[in-house]
Protein backbone atom coordinates (compact mmCIF):
# COMPACT_ATOMS: atom_id res chain seq x y z
CA MET A 1 9.19 -10.69 0.42
CA THR A 2 5.92 -10.51 2.33
CA ILE A 3 3.16 -8.26 1.06
CA GLY A 4 0.12 -7.36 3.11
CA ILE A 5 -3.18 -6.54 1.44
CA GLY A 6 -5.97 -4.65 3.15
CA ASN A 7 -9.38 -3.97 1.67
CA ASP A 8 -12.84 -2.87 2.57
CA HIS A 9 -15.97 -4.56 1.23
CA ARG A 10 -15.57 -3.02 -2.23
CA GLY A 11 -12.08 -4.41 -2.65
CA TYR A 12 -12.84 -7.94 -1.48
CA GLU A 13 -13.09 -9.68 -4.87
CA LEU A 14 -10.12 -7.83 -6.34
CA LYS A 15 -8.02 -8.66 -3.28
CA ASN A 16 -8.63 -12.36 -3.78
CA LYS A 17 -7.45 -12.16 -7.39
CA LEU A 18 -4.38 -10.18 -6.38
CA ILE A 19 -3.45 -12.64 -3.64
CA GLU A 20 -3.50 -15.47 -6.16
CA TYR A 21 -1.50 -13.42 -8.67
CA LEU A 22 1.16 -12.47 -6.11
CA GLN A 23 1.44 -16.01 -4.77
CA GLU A 24 1.99 -17.26 -8.33
CA LYS A 25 4.93 -14.82 -8.44
CA ASN A 26 6.28 -16.47 -5.26
CA TYR A 27 5.52 -13.63 -2.86
CA ASN A 28 4.27 -14.38 0.63
CA VAL A 29 0.94 -12.62 1.04
CA LYS A 30 -0.77 -11.71 4.28
CA ASP A 31 -4.51 -11.05 3.99
CA LEU A 32 -5.28 -8.17 6.35
CA GLY A 33 -8.53 -7.13 4.72
CA SER A 34 -12.23 -7.66 4.99
CA LYS A 35 -13.32 -11.24 4.38
CA THR A 36 -16.74 -10.23 3.05
CA THR A 37 -18.57 -7.95 0.65
CA GLU A 38 -20.73 -6.71 3.53
CA SER A 39 -20.26 -3.01 4.25
CA THR A 40 -17.35 -2.35 6.58
CA ASP A 41 -15.16 0.54 7.74
CA TYR A 42 -11.98 0.97 5.69
CA PRO A 43 -9.83 2.57 8.44
CA ILE A 44 -9.77 -0.74 10.34
CA TYR A 45 -7.91 -2.42 7.48
CA ALA A 46 -5.70 0.56 6.66
CA PHE A 47 -4.50 0.61 10.28
CA LYS A 48 -3.86 -3.16 10.21
CA VAL A 49 -1.66 -2.87 7.13
CA GLY A 50 0.18 0.18 8.45
CA GLU A 51 0.87 -1.49 11.79
CA ALA A 52 2.03 -4.67 10.06
CA VAL A 53 4.58 -2.64 8.06
CA ILE A 54 5.85 -0.85 11.16
CA ASN A 55 6.02 -4.10 13.14
CA LYS A 56 7.95 -5.72 10.25
CA GLU A 57 5.31 -8.43 9.76
CA ILE A 58 5.16 -7.39 6.09
CA ASP A 59 7.61 -5.64 3.79
CA LEU A 60 5.09 -3.67 1.73
CA GLY A 61 1.38 -2.98 1.92
CA ILE A 62 -1.36 -2.67 -0.67
CA LEU A 63 -4.73 -1.13 0.16
CA ILE A 64 -7.93 -1.35 -1.90
CA CYS A 65 -11.12 0.67 -1.46
CA ARG A 66 -13.49 2.63 -3.68
CA THR A 67 -11.06 5.42 -4.54
CA GLY A 68 -7.97 4.59 -2.51
CA ILE A 69 -8.15 8.02 -0.89
CA GLY A 70 -9.71 7.08 2.44
CA MET A 71 -7.38 4.13 2.93
CA SER A 72 -4.37 6.32 2.19
CA ILE A 73 -5.46 8.99 4.65
CA ALA A 74 -6.09 6.42 7.39
CA CYS A 75 -2.89 4.45 6.80
CA ASN A 76 -0.77 7.60 6.88
CA LYS A 77 -1.92 8.15 10.47
CA VAL A 78 0.25 5.17 11.48
CA LYS A 79 3.59 6.64 12.53
CA GLY A 80 6.32 5.62 10.08
CA VAL A 81 4.03 4.76 7.19
CA ARG A 82 4.36 6.51 3.86
CA CYS A 83 1.30 5.52 1.85
CA GLY A 84 0.79 6.87 -1.64
CA LYS A 85 -2.55 6.92 -3.42
CA VAL A 86 -1.59 5.42 -6.77
CA ASP A 87 -3.50 5.67 -10.06
CA SER A 88 -0.87 4.66 -12.61
CA VAL A 89 2.37 2.81 -13.20
CA GLU A 90 4.15 6.18 -13.12
CA ASP A 91 2.61 6.99 -9.71
CA ALA A 92 3.76 3.60 -8.40
CA ARG A 93 7.27 4.17 -9.69
CA LEU A 94 7.57 7.69 -8.32
CA CYS A 95 6.11 6.96 -4.90
CA LYS A 96 8.92 4.45 -4.40
CA ILE A 97 11.76 6.37 -6.13
CA ASP A 98 11.00 9.77 -4.59
CA ASN A 99 9.16 9.00 -1.35
CA ASN A 100 10.22 5.48 -0.39
CA CYS A 101 6.56 4.57 0.16
CA ASN A 102 6.02 1.36 2.08
CA VAL A 103 2.28 1.19 1.33
CA MET A 104 0.23 2.04 -1.73
CA SER A 105 -3.49 2.57 -1.99
CA VAL A 106 -5.56 1.94 -5.12
CA SER A 107 -9.12 2.13 -6.36
CA TYR A 108 -11.08 -1.06 -6.77
CA GLU A 109 -12.33 0.41 -10.06
CA LYS A 110 -9.01 -0.30 -11.79
CA THR A 111 -9.00 -3.33 -14.04
CA PHE A 112 -7.11 -6.37 -12.88
CA ASP A 113 -4.61 -5.98 -15.74
CA GLU A 114 -3.99 -2.32 -14.81
CA LEU A 115 -3.46 -3.26 -11.18
CA LYS A 116 -1.02 -6.05 -11.98
CA LYS A 117 1.23 -3.57 -13.80
CA ILE A 118 0.89 -0.96 -11.05
CA ILE A 119 1.61 -3.46 -8.28
CA ASP A 120 4.54 -5.05 -10.11
CA THR A 121 6.06 -1.60 -10.54
CA PHE A 122 5.51 -0.72 -6.87
CA ILE A 123 7.12 -3.94 -5.66
CA GLU A 124 10.05 -3.93 -8.07
CA THR A 125 11.02 -0.24 -7.86
CA GLU A 126 13.71 0.75 -5.37
CA PHE A 127 14.16 4.04 -3.52
CA THR A 128 16.90 6.09 -5.19
CA ASN A 129 18.65 7.21 -1.99
CA GLU A 130 19.43 10.49 -3.74
CA GLU A 131 20.34 13.18 -1.23
CA ARG A 132 17.32 15.38 -2.05
CA HIS A 133 14.88 12.50 -1.62
CA LEU A 134 16.55 11.30 1.59
CA ARG A 135 16.40 14.85 2.95
CA ARG A 136 12.67 15.12 2.20
CA VAL A 137 11.79 11.73 3.65
CA ASN A 138 13.85 12.60 6.74
CA LEU A 139 11.95 15.87 7.13
CA ILE A 140 8.74 13.85 7.27
CA LYS A 141 10.24 11.46 9.84
CA GLU A 142 11.47 14.36 11.98
CA TYR A 143 8.06 15.99 11.94
CA GLU A 144 6.41 12.70 12.95
CA GLU A 145 8.75 12.47 15.93
CA LYS A 146 7.57 15.89 17.16
CA CYS A 147 3.89 14.94 16.99
């Protein structure tokens, strides 16, 4: 599995720790984020991750910024992306089970230990394929096609 990580300047240090952690777990990791702590614009990296998911260069994406909100908003502008702003293990589980999210966005203010649990849950949880969840995800896809 290949995981792409995008970050702005605030998420730079955390990204580097997460890349090492994920590589130790034998995941391929693609660094699509800022390579510096100098101020930068988060949408650039959110779009890169979203496009990499859609182009099948990565299987899942992880975004890191101050709150995770801006990255999530930007990434969801990429047609076909379902990015959830995740604050907990339960959020990570439900965004995959219910919404089949292919990207998650988190705050750089989470501790590394919290993020490891959240990310492990996001990666390891499968979409349920229950009819009601399929129907809802398909409604989103249909709406995207009209736009």
